[in-house]
Amino acid sequence: MEMISTDGNWHTETIASYKVKPSDQLKFIIKDCQEALVAMPDSPKAGQYMDCIHYAAMELNERQRAWLLWNKRVSDNLLKKEQ
């Protein structure tokens, strides 16, 4: 999990850092934070764990959406060439 920002931009910095992390690492962050929440639901960091889960899931969903759009464009171009 990312360190808390000293300049108050933790959310922005975390979202930006997740854009360059490998998908496996984002999946690990989600799993790790979920386990921390189960083990310590009343932890003072519970909100931060939930934010990390949310931001990692957002990035994974964006990557999947981008891949699906790219795949559709490739498929459409192949179909046009066949016609």
N, C-alpha and C. Protein backbone atom coordinates (compact mmCIF):
# COMPACT_ATOMS: atom_id res chain seq x y z
N MET A 1 0.84 -1.17 0.00
CA MET A 1 0.00 0.00 0.00
C MET A 1 0.89 1.23 0.00
N GLU A 2 0.40 2.28 -0.61
CA GLU A 2 1.16 3.51 -0.72
C GLU A 2 1.28 4.22 0.62
N MET A 3 2.33 4.99 0.76
CA MET A 3 2.52 5.79 1.97
C MET A 3 1.59 7.01 1.92
N ILE A 4 1.26 7.51 3.07
CA ILE A 4 0.44 8.72 3.13
C ILE A 4 1.28 9.89 2.66
N SER A 5 0.71 10.71 1.81
CA SER A 5 1.39 11.87 1.26
C SER A 5 1.60 12.93 2.33
N THR A 6 2.73 13.58 2.25
CA THR A 6 3.01 14.66 3.20
C THR A 6 2.45 15.99 2.73
N ASP A 7 2.05 16.08 1.46
CA ASP A 7 1.53 17.34 0.96
C ASP A 7 0.01 17.33 0.76
N GLY A 8 -0.66 16.31 1.26
CA GLY A 8 -2.12 16.28 1.20
C GLY A 8 -2.71 15.78 -0.10
N ASN A 9 -1.89 15.26 -0.99
CA ASN A 9 -2.39 14.79 -2.29
C ASN A 9 -2.38 13.27 -2.39
N TRP A 10 -2.61 12.59 -1.29
CA TRP A 10 -2.51 11.13 -1.28
C TRP A 10 -3.40 10.48 -2.33
N HIS A 11 -4.64 10.92 -2.43
CA HIS A 11 -5.57 10.29 -3.38
C HIS A 11 -5.06 10.46 -4.81
N THR A 12 -4.69 11.67 -5.17
CA THR A 12 -4.20 11.94 -6.53
C THR A 12 -2.93 11.15 -6.81
N GLU A 13 -2.01 11.12 -5.86
CA GLU A 13 -0.76 10.40 -6.05
C GLU A 13 -0.98 8.90 -6.14
N THR A 14 -1.90 8.38 -5.35
CA THR A 14 -2.19 6.94 -5.38
C THR A 14 -2.80 6.55 -6.72
N ILE A 15 -3.78 7.31 -7.17
CA ILE A 15 -4.40 7.02 -8.47
C ILE A 15 -3.35 7.06 -9.58
N ALA A 16 -2.48 8.06 -9.57
CA ALA A 16 -1.44 8.17 -10.60
C ALA A 16 -0.47 7.00 -10.52
N SER A 17 -0.10 6.59 -9.31
CA SER A 17 0.86 5.48 -9.19
C SER A 17 0.25 4.16 -9.64
N TYR A 18 -1.06 3.99 -9.45
CA TYR A 18 -1.72 2.76 -9.85
C TYR A 18 -1.78 2.63 -11.37
N LYS A 19 -1.71 3.73 -12.10
CA LYS A 19 -1.76 3.68 -13.56
C LYS A 19 -0.53 3.00 -14.16
N VAL A 20 0.57 2.97 -13.41
CA VAL A 20 1.79 2.36 -13.95
C VAL A 20 2.15 1.03 -13.27
N LYS A 21 1.35 0.60 -12.33
CA LYS A 21 1.61 -0.68 -11.66
C LYS A 21 1.09 -1.82 -12.54
N PRO A 22 1.77 -2.96 -12.52
CA PRO A 22 1.26 -4.13 -13.25
C PRO A 22 -0.07 -4.59 -12.65
N SER A 23 -0.88 -5.20 -13.47
CA SER A 23 -2.20 -5.67 -13.02
C SER A 23 -2.09 -6.66 -11.86
N ASP A 24 -1.08 -7.51 -11.89
CA ASP A 24 -0.90 -8.46 -10.78
C ASP A 24 -0.68 -7.74 -9.45
N GLN A 25 0.06 -6.65 -9.50
CA GLN A 25 0.30 -5.89 -8.29
C GLN A 25 -0.99 -5.21 -7.80
N LEU A 26 -1.81 -4.71 -8.72
CA LEU A 26 -3.09 -4.11 -8.34
C LEU A 26 -4.01 -5.15 -7.71
N LYS A 27 -4.01 -6.36 -8.27
CA LYS A 27 -4.82 -7.43 -7.69
C LYS A 27 -4.34 -7.79 -6.30
N PHE A 28 -3.02 -7.78 -6.11
CA PHE A 28 -2.48 -8.07 -4.78
C PHE A 28 -2.89 -6.98 -3.78
N ILE A 29 -2.84 -5.73 -4.20
CA ILE A 29 -3.24 -4.62 -3.33
C ILE A 29 -4.69 -4.81 -2.88
N ILE A 30 -5.56 -5.16 -3.82
CA ILE A 30 -6.97 -5.38 -3.49
C ILE A 30 -7.09 -6.50 -2.46
N LYS A 31 -6.44 -7.61 -2.73
CA LYS A 31 -6.53 -8.77 -1.82
C LYS A 31 -5.96 -8.43 -0.44
N ASP A 32 -4.82 -7.77 -0.42
CA ASP A 32 -4.16 -7.43 0.84
C ASP A 32 -5.03 -6.48 1.67
N CYS A 33 -5.59 -5.48 1.03
CA CYS A 33 -6.44 -4.53 1.75
C CYS A 33 -7.74 -5.18 2.22
N GLN A 34 -8.30 -6.07 1.42
CA GLN A 34 -9.50 -6.80 1.86
C GLN A 34 -9.20 -7.63 3.10
N GLU A 35 -8.06 -8.31 3.09
CA GLU A 35 -7.68 -9.12 4.25
C GLU A 35 -7.45 -8.25 5.48
N ALA A 36 -6.85 -7.08 5.29
CA ALA A 36 -6.64 -6.17 6.42
C ALA A 36 -7.96 -5.69 6.99
N LEU A 37 -8.93 -5.41 6.12
CA LEU A 37 -10.24 -4.96 6.58
C LEU A 37 -10.98 -6.06 7.35
N VAL A 38 -10.85 -7.30 6.89
CA VAL A 38 -11.49 -8.42 7.59
C VAL A 38 -10.84 -8.61 8.96
N ALA A 39 -9.52 -8.52 9.00
CA ALA A 39 -8.80 -8.74 10.25
C ALA A 39 -8.98 -7.59 11.24
N MET A 40 -9.07 -6.36 10.70
CA MET A 40 -9.14 -5.18 11.57
C MET A 40 -10.16 -4.17 11.04
N PRO A 41 -11.44 -4.51 11.08
CA PRO A 41 -12.46 -3.62 10.49
C PRO A 41 -12.55 -2.25 11.16
N ASP A 42 -12.12 -2.14 12.39
CA ASP A 42 -12.20 -0.87 13.11
C ASP A 42 -10.86 -0.11 13.12
N SER A 43 -9.94 -0.54 12.28
CA SER A 43 -8.63 0.11 12.21
C SER A 43 -8.78 1.57 11.76
N PRO A 44 -7.95 2.45 12.29
CA PRO A 44 -7.97 3.84 11.82
C PRO A 44 -7.64 3.96 10.33
N LYS A 45 -7.01 2.93 9.77
CA LYS A 45 -6.66 2.96 8.34
C LYS A 45 -7.71 2.28 7.47
N ALA A 46 -8.83 1.88 8.03
CA ALA A 46 -9.86 1.17 7.26
C ALA A 46 -10.31 1.98 6.05
N GLY A 47 -10.49 3.27 6.21
CA GLY A 47 -10.90 4.11 5.09
C GLY A 47 -9.86 4.14 3.99
N GLN A 48 -8.59 4.19 4.38
CA GLN A 48 -7.51 4.18 3.40
C GLN A 48 -7.46 2.84 2.67
N TYR A 49 -7.67 1.74 3.39
CA TYR A 49 -7.70 0.43 2.74
C TYR A 49 -8.84 0.37 1.71
N MET A 50 -9.99 0.91 2.08
CA MET A 50 -11.12 0.91 1.14
C MET A 50 -10.82 1.77 -0.07
N ASP A 51 -10.16 2.92 0.13
CA ASP A 51 -9.77 3.76 -1.00
C ASP A 51 -8.81 3.02 -1.92
N CYS A 52 -7.84 2.31 -1.35
CA CYS A 52 -6.88 1.55 -2.16
C CYS A 52 -7.59 0.49 -2.99
N ILE A 53 -8.54 -0.21 -2.39
CA ILE A 53 -9.31 -1.21 -3.12
C ILE A 53 -10.05 -0.55 -4.28
N HIS A 54 -10.71 0.56 -3.97
CA HIS A 54 -11.49 1.27 -4.99
C HIS A 54 -10.60 1.75 -6.14
N TYR A 55 -9.48 2.38 -5.83
CA TYR A 55 -8.61 2.93 -6.88
C TYR A 55 -7.97 1.81 -7.71
N ALA A 56 -7.57 0.71 -7.07
CA ALA A 56 -6.99 -0.40 -7.82
C ALA A 56 -8.04 -1.03 -8.73
N ALA A 57 -9.26 -1.20 -8.23
CA ALA A 57 -10.34 -1.76 -9.05
C ALA A 57 -10.69 -0.83 -10.20
N MET A 58 -10.70 0.48 -9.94
CA MET A 58 -10.97 1.44 -11.02
C MET A 58 -9.95 1.30 -12.14
N GLU A 59 -8.68 1.18 -11.78
CA GLU A 59 -7.63 1.06 -12.79
C GLU A 59 -7.75 -0.26 -13.56
N LEU A 60 -8.02 -1.35 -12.87
CA LEU A 60 -8.20 -2.63 -13.57
C LEU A 60 -9.40 -2.58 -14.52
N ASN A 61 -10.49 -1.96 -14.08
CA ASN A 61 -11.67 -1.83 -14.95
C ASN A 61 -11.38 -0.96 -16.16
N GLU A 62 -10.62 0.11 -15.98
CA GLU A 62 -10.26 0.98 -17.10
C GLU A 62 -9.39 0.22 -18.11
N ARG A 63 -8.47 -0.58 -17.62
CA ARG A 63 -7.62 -1.37 -18.52
C ARG A 63 -8.46 -2.38 -19.30
N GLN A 64 -9.41 -3.01 -18.63
CA GLN A 64 -10.27 -3.98 -19.31
C GLN A 64 -11.12 -3.28 -20.38
N ARG A 65 -11.66 -2.12 -20.02
CA ARG A 65 -12.48 -1.36 -20.97
C ARG A 65 -11.65 -0.95 -22.19
N ALA A 66 -10.43 -0.47 -21.95
CA ALA A 66 -9.55 -0.06 -23.05
C ALA A 66 -9.20 -1.25 -23.93
N TRP A 67 -8.94 -2.41 -23.33
CA TRP A 67 -8.62 -3.60 -24.11
C TRP A 67 -9.81 -4.02 -24.95
N LEU A 68 -11.01 -3.99 -24.36
CA LEU A 68 -12.21 -4.38 -25.11
C LEU A 68 -12.45 -3.44 -26.28
N LEU A 69 -12.26 -2.14 -26.08
CA LEU A 69 -12.43 -1.18 -27.17
C LEU A 69 -11.41 -1.41 -28.27
N TRP A 70 -10.15 -1.65 -27.88
CA TRP A 70 -9.10 -1.90 -28.86
C TRP A 70 -9.42 -3.18 -29.64
N ASN A 71 -9.84 -4.23 -28.94
CA ASN A 71 -10.15 -5.50 -29.57
C ASN A 71 -11.31 -5.35 -30.55
N LYS A 72 -12.32 -4.56 -30.18
CA LYS A 72 -13.46 -4.32 -31.07
C LYS A 72 -13.01 -3.59 -32.33
N ARG A 73 -12.13 -2.59 -32.18
CA ARG A 73 -11.64 -1.86 -33.36
C ARG A 73 -10.87 -2.78 -34.30
N VAL A 74 -10.04 -3.64 -33.73
CA VAL A 74 -9.27 -4.58 -34.54
C VAL A 74 -10.22 -5.52 -35.27
N SER A 75 -11.21 -6.04 -34.56
CA SER A 75 -12.19 -6.95 -35.17
C SER A 75 -12.97 -6.25 -36.28
N ASP A 76 -13.39 -5.03 -36.03
CA ASP A 76 -14.14 -4.28 -37.04
C ASP A 76 -13.29 -4.04 -38.28
N ASN A 77 -12.02 -3.72 -38.10
CA ASN A 77 -11.12 -3.50 -39.24
C ASN A 77 -10.90 -4.79 -40.03
N LEU A 78 -10.79 -5.90 -39.34
CA LEU A 78 -10.63 -7.19 -40.04
C LEU A 78 -11.87 -7.53 -40.85
N LEU A 79 -13.05 -7.26 -40.28
CA LEU A 79 -14.29 -7.52 -41.00
C LEU A 79 -14.41 -6.64 -42.23
N LYS A 80 -14.00 -5.39 -42.15
CA LYS A 80 -14.06 -4.48 -43.31
C LYS A 80 -13.16 -4.96 -44.42
N LYS A 81 -11.99 -5.48 -44.05
CA LYS A 81 -11.05 -5.97 -45.06
C LYS A 81 -11.58 -7.20 -45.77
N GLU A 82 -12.34 -8.03 -45.06
CA GLU A 82 -12.89 -9.24 -45.63
C GLU A 82 -14.04 -8.96 -46.60
N GLN A 83 -14.67 -7.83 -46.46
CA GLN A 83 -15.85 -7.52 -47.31
C GLN A 83 -15.46 -7.01 -48.63
